[in-house]
Amino acid sequence: MGALHSPVMPALYDGQRLTVEEFLDRWDTMPELRRAELLEGVVYLASPLRLSHGTRDSRVTRWLGRYVDATTGVESATAPTTILGAVSVPQPDQVLFIRPEYGGRCKIVKDYLTGPPELIVEVSLSSVDRDHHFKRSIYQQAGVEEYVIFDVMASEVSWRRLVEGTYVDLTADSDGVFRSRIFPGLWLDESAFWDEDMRRVSQTVDAGLASPEHESFVAALAARRG
């Protein structure tokens, strides 16, 4: 990290305790740095990303992108720095959110996502314990409606929904498909995902997009357009 040190603003180091403002100010001085998070006031720097993480992350991007392409008013982003309150600035692997002009809760301030997106995805490999416990608590407290973990080592999807301020586990339906509650029509065939069968994953998303629930959701978003 020595090469990233600025004579004006000290570099980021694992374990530092910073405010959100200090964290973002230091980030701005280090264009080479791509992955860092402030969690409960403590800086965490990402480990090198393994290929098994990158390939799964790419599949998640394609899955969410198919949904976004058919759902005006909804947007996705890969690894966006996300400001969640006074002490946490995580960088989730993926987010899916309703754009502010369509009634979404998060805002875009100085090109940063600010406030809780409706859905967060973490592709979990080296960070599995942090994702299942520490980040779960942060996202729950911030009010993220749905939190999805793709656990690479276990080949499992954990999908949680916020109910009265607490995450509860959603389970796949009898056909093996997870169905989002906050984003109607966002369907995931879990076995197809882990089997690397993206054609079947896409077919499942398309079935969700053809559902009456998705049609009603798109109409409701259009009616909210500010």
Protein backbone atom coordinates (compact mmCIF):
# COMPACT_ATOMS: atom_id res chain seq x y z
CA MET A 1 0.00 0.00 0.00
CA GLY A 2 2.99 2.32 0.28
CA ALA A 3 2.72 3.38 -3.36
CA LEU A 4 -0.78 4.72 -2.66
CA HIS A 5 0.35 7.03 0.14
CA SER A 6 -0.41 10.69 -0.42
CA PRO A 7 1.75 13.38 1.25
CA VAL A 8 -1.44 15.37 1.77
CA MET A 9 -3.87 12.65 2.78
CA PRO A 10 -2.73 9.38 4.40
CA ALA A 11 -3.51 6.14 2.60
CA LEU A 12 -6.22 3.70 3.61
CA TYR A 13 -5.11 0.78 5.75
CA ASP A 14 -6.99 -2.21 7.08
CA GLY A 15 -8.37 -1.62 10.56
CA GLN A 16 -8.29 2.18 10.53
CA ARG A 17 -11.24 3.87 12.21
CA LEU A 18 -12.58 6.73 10.08
CA THR A 19 -15.70 8.78 9.59
CA VAL A 20 -17.59 8.51 6.31
CA GLU A 21 -16.21 11.90 5.24
CA GLU A 22 -12.61 10.91 6.01
CA PHE A 23 -13.02 7.61 4.19
CA LEU A 24 -14.41 9.21 1.03
CA ASP A 25 -11.83 12.01 1.08
CA ARG A 26 -8.98 9.50 1.25
CA TRP A 27 -10.55 7.36 -1.46
CA ASP A 28 -10.61 10.38 -3.78
CA THR A 29 -6.83 10.77 -3.42
CA MET A 30 -6.15 7.19 -4.54
CA PRO A 31 -7.47 6.52 -8.06
CA GLU A 32 -5.57 3.21 -8.17
CA LEU A 33 -7.64 1.76 -5.30
CA ARG A 34 -10.70 -0.12 -6.52
CA ARG A 35 -12.08 -2.07 -3.56
CA ALA A 36 -12.38 -0.77 -0.01
CA GLU A 37 -15.19 -0.58 2.53
CA LEU A 38 -15.97 1.26 5.73
CA LEU A 39 -17.98 -1.05 7.99
CA GLU A 40 -19.09 0.31 11.36
CA GLY A 41 -16.32 2.89 11.16
CA VAL A 42 -13.53 0.42 10.34
CA VAL A 43 -11.73 0.19 6.97
CA TYR A 44 -11.57 -3.17 5.20
CA LEU A 45 -9.50 -3.69 2.05
CA ALA A 46 -10.48 -6.48 -0.34
CA SER A 47 -8.37 -9.56 -0.91
CA PRO A 48 -7.34 -10.35 -4.51
CA LEU A 49 -10.40 -11.66 -6.36
CA ARG A 50 -10.17 -15.31 -7.34
CA LEU A 51 -11.47 -16.49 -10.71
CA SER A 52 -14.22 -18.54 -9.05
CA HIS A 53 -15.52 -15.32 -7.50
CA GLY A 54 -15.25 -13.37 -10.74
CA THR A 55 -17.11 -15.92 -12.87
CA ARG A 56 -20.02 -16.13 -10.42
CA ASP A 57 -20.13 -12.36 -10.14
CA SER A 58 -20.32 -12.15 -13.93
CA ARG A 59 -23.27 -14.55 -13.96
CA VAL A 60 -25.07 -12.50 -11.31
CA THR A 61 -24.50 -9.39 -13.46
CA ARG A 62 -26.10 -11.11 -16.45
CA TRP A 63 -29.03 -12.36 -14.37
CA LEU A 64 -29.80 -8.92 -12.93
CA GLY A 65 -29.15 -7.20 -16.26
CA ARG A 66 -31.81 -9.27 -17.98
CA TYR A 67 -34.31 -8.12 -15.38
CA VAL A 68 -33.26 -4.47 -15.58
CA ASP A 69 -33.53 -4.44 -19.38
CA ALA A 70 -37.22 -5.34 -19.08
CA THR A 71 -38.10 -3.19 -16.05
CA THR A 72 -38.07 0.56 -16.65
CA GLY A 73 -37.32 2.42 -13.43
CA VAL A 74 -35.05 -0.27 -11.97
CA GLU A 75 -31.25 -0.14 -12.16
CA SER A 76 -28.37 -2.42 -11.21
CA ALA A 77 -24.74 -1.64 -10.46
CA THR A 78 -21.57 -3.63 -9.93
CA ALA A 79 -19.50 -2.90 -6.80
CA PRO A 80 -20.86 0.61 -6.16
CA THR A 81 -19.63 2.48 -3.12
CA THR A 82 -22.84 2.78 -1.08
CA ILE A 83 -23.30 5.18 1.81
CA LEU A 84 -25.41 3.57 4.54
CA GLY A 85 -25.63 5.99 7.43
CA ALA A 86 -22.90 7.67 9.46
CA VAL A 87 -20.37 4.83 9.88
CA SER A 88 -20.76 2.36 7.00
CA VAL A 89 -19.80 2.66 3.34
CA PRO A 90 -19.85 -0.88 1.95
CA GLN A 91 -19.07 -1.85 -1.62
CA PRO A 92 -21.47 -4.71 -2.40
CA ASP A 93 -20.75 -6.98 -5.34
CA GLN A 94 -24.10 -6.06 -6.91
CA VAL A 95 -27.07 -3.87 -6.09
CA LEU A 96 -30.54 -3.64 -7.59
CA PHE A 97 -32.53 -0.51 -6.84
CA ILE A 98 -35.53 1.53 -7.89
CA ARG A 99 -34.35 4.81 -9.32
CA PRO A 100 -35.22 7.86 -7.19
CA GLU A 101 -37.44 9.39 -9.86
CA TYR A 102 -39.54 6.22 -9.82
CA GLY A 103 -40.05 6.30 -6.06
CA GLY A 104 -36.94 4.48 -4.90
CA ARG A 105 -35.66 5.06 -1.38
CA CYS A 106 -31.97 5.56 -2.13
CA LYS A 107 -30.57 8.75 -3.61
CA ILE A 108 -27.60 9.55 -5.81
CA VAL A 109 -25.40 12.19 -4.16
CA LYS A 110 -22.14 13.27 -5.83
CA ASP A 111 -22.45 10.10 -7.94
CA TYR A 112 -22.55 7.88 -4.85
CA LEU A 113 -25.50 5.66 -4.02
CA THR A 114 -26.79 7.01 -0.72
CA GLY A 115 -29.28 5.17 1.44
CA PRO A 116 -30.37 1.54 1.22
CA PRO A 117 -30.89 0.00 -2.21
CA GLU A 118 -33.84 -2.38 -2.30
CA LEU A 119 -31.67 -5.45 -2.95
CA ILE A 120 -27.99 -6.24 -2.32
CA VAL A 121 -26.02 -9.24 -3.59
CA GLU A 122 -22.74 -10.51 -2.22
CA VAL A 123 -20.76 -13.23 -4.00
CA SER A 124 -19.09 -14.86 -1.04
CA LEU A 125 -15.77 -16.69 -1.09
CA SER A 126 -12.96 -15.29 1.09
CA SER A 127 -15.48 -12.99 2.84
CA VAL A 128 -18.07 -15.66 3.68
CA ASP A 129 -18.11 -15.11 7.46
CA ARG A 130 -18.25 -11.33 7.11
CA ASP A 131 -21.05 -11.53 4.53
CA HIS A 132 -23.22 -13.89 6.58
CA HIS A 133 -22.84 -12.05 9.88
CA PHE A 134 -21.26 -8.59 9.97
CA LYS A 135 -22.65 -7.32 6.67
CA ARG A 136 -25.98 -8.96 7.30
CA SER A 137 -26.31 -6.89 10.47
CA ILE A 138 -25.29 -3.68 8.67
CA TYR A 139 -27.71 -4.22 5.79
CA GLN A 140 -30.53 -5.18 8.16
CA GLN A 141 -30.01 -2.08 10.27
CA ALA A 142 -29.84 0.14 7.17
CA GLY A 143 -33.15 -1.23 5.87
CA VAL A 144 -32.03 -3.14 2.75
CA GLU A 145 -35.22 -5.01 1.81
CA GLU A 146 -33.61 -8.14 0.36
CA TYR A 147 -30.10 -9.52 0.85
CA VAL A 148 -28.85 -12.35 -1.35
CA ILE A 149 -25.60 -14.25 -0.78
CA PHE A 150 -24.13 -16.56 -3.42
CA ASP A 151 -21.90 -18.79 -1.28
CA VAL A 152 -19.32 -20.12 -3.74
CA MET A 153 -17.76 -22.75 -1.48
CA ALA A 154 -21.11 -24.22 -0.44
CA SER A 155 -22.78 -23.72 -3.85
CA GLU A 156 -25.77 -22.29 -2.02
CA VAL A 157 -27.94 -19.20 -2.27
CA SER A 158 -29.13 -17.50 0.92
CA TRP A 159 -31.97 -15.09 0.22
CA ARG A 160 -33.22 -12.94 3.06
CA ARG A 161 -36.11 -10.51 3.25
CA LEU A 162 -36.60 -7.74 5.78
CA VAL A 163 -39.76 -8.32 7.84
CA GLU A 164 -40.53 -5.84 10.62
CA GLY A 165 -36.87 -4.84 10.81
CA THR A 166 -35.42 -8.37 10.92
CA TYR A 167 -34.15 -10.61 8.13
CA VAL A 168 -36.02 -13.85 7.56
CA ASP A 169 -34.83 -16.56 5.18
CA LEU A 170 -36.72 -17.03 1.95
CA THR A 171 -36.71 -20.52 0.47
CA ALA A 172 -36.96 -21.62 -3.12
CA ASP A 173 -40.40 -22.74 -4.22
CA SER A 174 -41.15 -26.39 -4.99
CA ASP A 175 -39.75 -25.93 -8.51
CA GLY A 176 -36.37 -24.88 -7.12
CA VAL A 177 -36.87 -21.22 -8.05
CA PHE A 178 -36.33 -18.23 -5.75
CA ARG A 179 -38.82 -15.43 -6.33
CA SER A 180 -38.11 -11.91 -5.11
CA ARG A 181 -40.83 -10.23 -3.06
CA ILE A 182 -39.60 -6.67 -3.58
CA PHE A 183 -38.91 -7.08 -7.32
CA PRO A 184 -41.80 -9.07 -8.81
CA GLY A 185 -40.62 -11.23 -11.70
CA LEU A 186 -37.01 -11.50 -10.49
CA TRP A 187 -36.73 -15.28 -10.45
CA LEU A 188 -33.63 -17.42 -9.94
CA ASP A 189 -33.22 -21.11 -10.71
CA GLU A 190 -30.61 -21.99 -8.09
CA SER A 191 -29.52 -25.35 -9.49
CA ALA A 192 -29.16 -23.88 -13.00
CA PHE A 193 -26.93 -21.14 -11.61
CA TRP A 194 -24.54 -23.54 -9.89
CA ASP A 195 -24.66 -25.92 -12.88
CA GLU A 196 -23.41 -23.00 -15.00
CA ASP A 197 -26.51 -23.34 -17.18
CA MET A 198 -27.06 -19.67 -17.96
CA ARG A 199 -29.50 -20.53 -20.71
CA ARG A 200 -31.84 -22.04 -18.10
CA VAL A 201 -31.19 -19.13 -15.73
CA SER A 202 -32.23 -16.75 -18.51
CA GLN A 203 -35.32 -18.79 -19.33
CA THR A 204 -36.39 -18.62 -15.70
CA VAL A 205 -35.93 -14.85 -15.62
CA ASP A 206 -37.93 -14.57 -18.84
CA ALA A 207 -40.75 -16.57 -17.26
CA GLY A 208 -40.75 -14.14 -14.35
CA LEU A 209 -40.78 -11.18 -16.71
CA ALA A 210 -43.84 -12.65 -18.44
CA SER A 211 -45.74 -12.99 -15.15
CA PRO A 212 -48.75 -10.79 -14.30
CA GLU A 213 -46.91 -9.67 -11.15
CA HIS A 214 -44.09 -8.17 -13.18
CA GLU A 215 -46.53 -6.46 -15.55
CA SER A 216 -48.30 -4.86 -12.57
CA PHE A 217 -44.97 -3.80 -11.05
CA VAL A 218 -43.86 -2.05 -14.25
CA ALA A 219 -47.20 -0.24 -14.43
CA ALA A 220 -46.87 0.87 -10.81
CA LEU A 221 -43.34 2.18 -11.42
CA ALA A 222 -44.55 4.16 -14.44
CA ALA A 223 -47.32 5.70 -12.36
CA ARG A 224 -44.78 6.84 -9.75
CA ARG A 225 -42.49 8.55 -12.23
CA GLY A 226 -41.66 11.97 -10.86
